[in-house]
C-alpha atoms as a PDB file:
ATOM      1  CA  MET A   1      -0.609 -10.923  27.050  1.00  0.00           C
ATOM      2  CA  ALA A   2      -3.941 -12.217  28.279  1.00  0.00           C
ATOM      3  CA  LEU A   3      -3.777 -14.819  25.504  1.00  0.00           C
ATOM      4  CA  GLY A   4      -0.162 -15.759  26.213  1.00  0.00           C
ATOM      5  CA  ALA A   5       1.751 -13.360  23.969  1.00  0.00           C
ATOM      6  CA  LYS A   6       5.275 -12.507  25.039  1.00  0.00           C
ATOM      7  CA  SER A   7       6.624  -8.944  25.284  1.00  0.00           C
ATOM      8  CA  LYS A   8       8.756  -9.440  22.173  1.00  0.00           C
ATOM      9  CA  THR A   9       5.702 -10.538  20.166  1.00  0.00           C
ATOM     10  CA  ILE A  10       3.719  -7.480  21.230  1.00  0.00           C
ATOM     11  CA  ILE A  11       6.567  -5.117  20.342  1.00  0.00           C
ATOM     12  CA  MET A  12       6.992  -6.769  16.926  1.00  0.00           C
ATOM     13  CA  GLN A  13       3.250  -6.493  16.244  1.00  0.00           C
ATOM     14  CA  PHE A  14       3.187  -2.784  17.097  1.00  0.00           C
ATOM     15  CA  LEU A  15       6.349  -2.065  15.119  1.00  0.00           C
ATOM     16  CA  THR A  16       5.115  -3.999  12.082  1.00  0.00           C
ATOM     17  CA  GLU A  17       1.894  -2.018  12.106  1.00  0.00           C
ATOM     18  CA  ALA A  18       3.768   1.277  12.478  1.00  0.00           C
ATOM     19  CA  ILE A  19       6.186   0.458   9.660  1.00  0.00           C
ATOM     20  CA  VAL A  20       3.445  -0.668   7.274  1.00  0.00           C
ATOM     21  CA  LEU A  21       1.407   2.462   7.958  1.00  0.00           C
ATOM     22  CA  THR A  22       4.367   4.778   7.490  1.00  0.00           C
ATOM     23  CA  ILE A  23       5.455   3.059   4.272  1.00  0.00           C
ATOM     24  CA  ILE A  24       1.935   3.432   2.897  1.00  0.00           C
ATOM     25  CA  GLY A  25       1.833   7.071   4.009  1.00  0.00           C
ATOM     26  CA  GLY A  26       5.278   7.741   2.560  1.00  0.00           C
ATOM     27  CA  MET A  27       4.386   6.172  -0.770  1.00  0.00           C
ATOM     28  CA  LEU A  28       1.108   8.123  -0.928  1.00  0.00           C
ATOM     29  CA  GLY A  29       3.081  11.293  -0.252  1.00  0.00           C
ATOM     30  CA  VAL A  30       5.509  10.445  -3.050  1.00  0.00           C
ATOM     31  CA  ILE A  31       2.655   9.707  -5.459  1.00  0.00           C
ATOM     32  CA  LEU A  32       0.915  12.974  -4.575  1.00  0.00           C
ATOM     33  CA  GLY A  33       4.170  14.927  -4.873  1.00  0.00           C
ATOM     34  CA  VAL A  34       5.060  13.437  -8.260  1.00  0.00           C
ATOM     35  CA  GLY A  35       1.472  13.942  -9.448  1.00  0.00           C
ATOM     36  CA  ALA A  36       1.500  17.584  -8.340  1.00  0.00           C
ATOM     37  CA  SER A  37       4.848  18.109 -10.052  1.00  0.00           C
ATOM     38  CA  LEU A  38       3.582  16.627 -13.311  1.00  0.00           C
ATOM     39  CA  ALA A  39       0.339  18.616 -13.090  1.00  0.00           C
ATOM     40  CA  LEU A  40       2.298  21.817 -12.506  1.00  0.00           C
ATOM     41  CA  THR A  41       4.407  21.060 -15.554  1.00  0.00           C
ATOM     42  CA  LYS A  42       1.311  20.561 -17.707  1.00  0.00           C
ATOM     43  CA  VAL A  43      -0.764  23.478 -16.418  1.00  0.00           C
ATOM     44  CA  MET A  44       1.871  26.183 -16.062  1.00  0.00           C
ATOM     45  CA  SER A  45       4.428  24.911 -18.582  1.00  0.00           C
ATOM     46  CA  LEU A  46       7.093  24.996 -15.892  1.00  0.00           C
ATOM     47  CA  PRO A  47       9.822  22.407 -16.234  1.00  0.00           C
ATOM     48  CA  THR A  48      10.137  20.298 -13.107  1.00  0.00           C
ATOM     49  CA  THR A  49      12.661  17.645 -12.184  1.00  0.00           C
ATOM     50  CA  ILE A  50      12.004  14.698  -9.912  1.00  0.00           C
ATOM     51  CA  ALA A  51      15.057  13.708  -7.870  1.00  0.00           C
ATOM     52  CA  TYR A  52      14.979  10.013  -7.065  1.00  0.00           C
ATOM     53  CA  GLU A  53      17.337  10.557  -4.134  1.00  0.00           C
ATOM     54  CA  SER A  54      14.707  12.826  -2.571  1.00  0.00           C
ATOM     55  CA  ILE A  55      12.054  10.152  -3.015  1.00  0.00           C
ATOM     56  CA  GLY A  56      14.270   7.564  -1.318  1.00  0.00           C
ATOM     57  CA  LEU A  57      15.101   9.964   1.489  1.00  0.00           C
ATOM     58  CA  ALA A  58      11.417  10.785   2.022  1.00  0.00           C
ATOM     59  CA  VAL A  59      10.441   7.119   2.300  1.00  0.00           C
ATOM     60  CA  PHE A  60      13.419   6.445   4.609  1.00  0.00           C
ATOM     61  CA  VAL A  61      12.511   9.339   6.923  1.00  0.00           C
ATOM     62  CA  SER A  62       8.882   8.210   6.940  1.00  0.00           C
ATOM     63  CA  CYS A  63       9.931   4.697   8.012  1.00  0.00           C
ATOM     64  CA  LEU A  64      12.320   6.081  10.624  1.00  0.00           C
ATOM     65  CA  ILE A  65       9.560   8.197  12.136  1.00  0.00           C
ATOM     66  CA  GLY A  66       7.258   5.167  12.196  1.00  0.00           C
ATOM     67  CA  ILE A  67       9.866   3.083  13.990  1.00  0.00           C
ATOM     68  CA  VAL A  68      10.772   5.755  16.531  1.00  0.00           C
ATOM     69  CA  PHE A  69       7.208   6.759  17.360  1.00  0.00           C
ATOM     70  CA  GLY A  70       5.940   3.179  17.167  1.00  0.00           C
ATOM     71  CA  TRP A  71       8.535   1.679  19.463  1.00  0.00           C
ATOM     72  CA  TYR A  72       7.690   3.633  22.618  1.00  0.00           C
ATOM     73  CA  PRO A  73       3.958   2.748  22.700  1.00  0.00           C
ATOM     74  CA  ALA A  74       4.900  -0.833  21.813  1.00  0.00           C
ATOM     75  CA  TYR A  75       7.365  -1.012  24.671  1.00  0.00           C
ATOM     76  CA  LYS A  76       4.842   0.534  27.038  1.00  0.00           C
ATOM     77  CA  ALA A  77       2.110  -1.890  25.981  1.00  0.00           C
ATOM     78  CA  SER A  78       4.416  -4.891  26.343  1.00  0.00           C
ATOM     79  CA  LYS A  79       5.108  -3.994  29.982  1.00  0.00           C
ATOM     80  CA  LEU A  80       1.452  -3.690  30.999  1.00  0.00           C
ATOM     81  CA  GLN A  81      -0.186  -6.368  33.052  1.00  0.00           C
ATOM     82  CA  PRO A  82      -3.092  -7.975  31.136  1.00  0.00           C
ATOM     83  CA  ILE A  83      -5.712  -6.824  33.646  1.00  0.00           C
ATOM     84  CA  GLU A  84      -4.419  -3.245  33.461  1.00  0.00           C
ATOM     85  CA  ALA A  85      -4.517  -3.275  29.658  1.00  0.00           C
ATOM     86  CA  LEU A  86      -8.108  -4.571  29.692  1.00  0.00           C
ATOM     87  CA  ARG A  87      -9.182  -2.092  32.361  1.00  0.00           C
ATOM     88  CA  TYR A  88      -7.618   0.806  30.442  1.00  0.00           C
ATOM     89  CA  GLU A  89      -9.670   0.088  27.333  1.00  0.00           C
END
């Protein structure tokens, strides 16, 4: 805001960051889960099945959490006066 950003711009910046981070985290979780499933199949000879619906649901929930928990701090930051935001840091 000190450089002329509008509230909407600040909210979009925070939400974009939150969504990108949660997508990366969700995809890393999927990769680790699939890797662990494949490793378990190899090591213990246990048949495992990967449900693609579960992968989609996991990424969706991860994004939803990022949006919900990213929006409130974004909204709060967009309402701060520039001097208060600088003083807080």
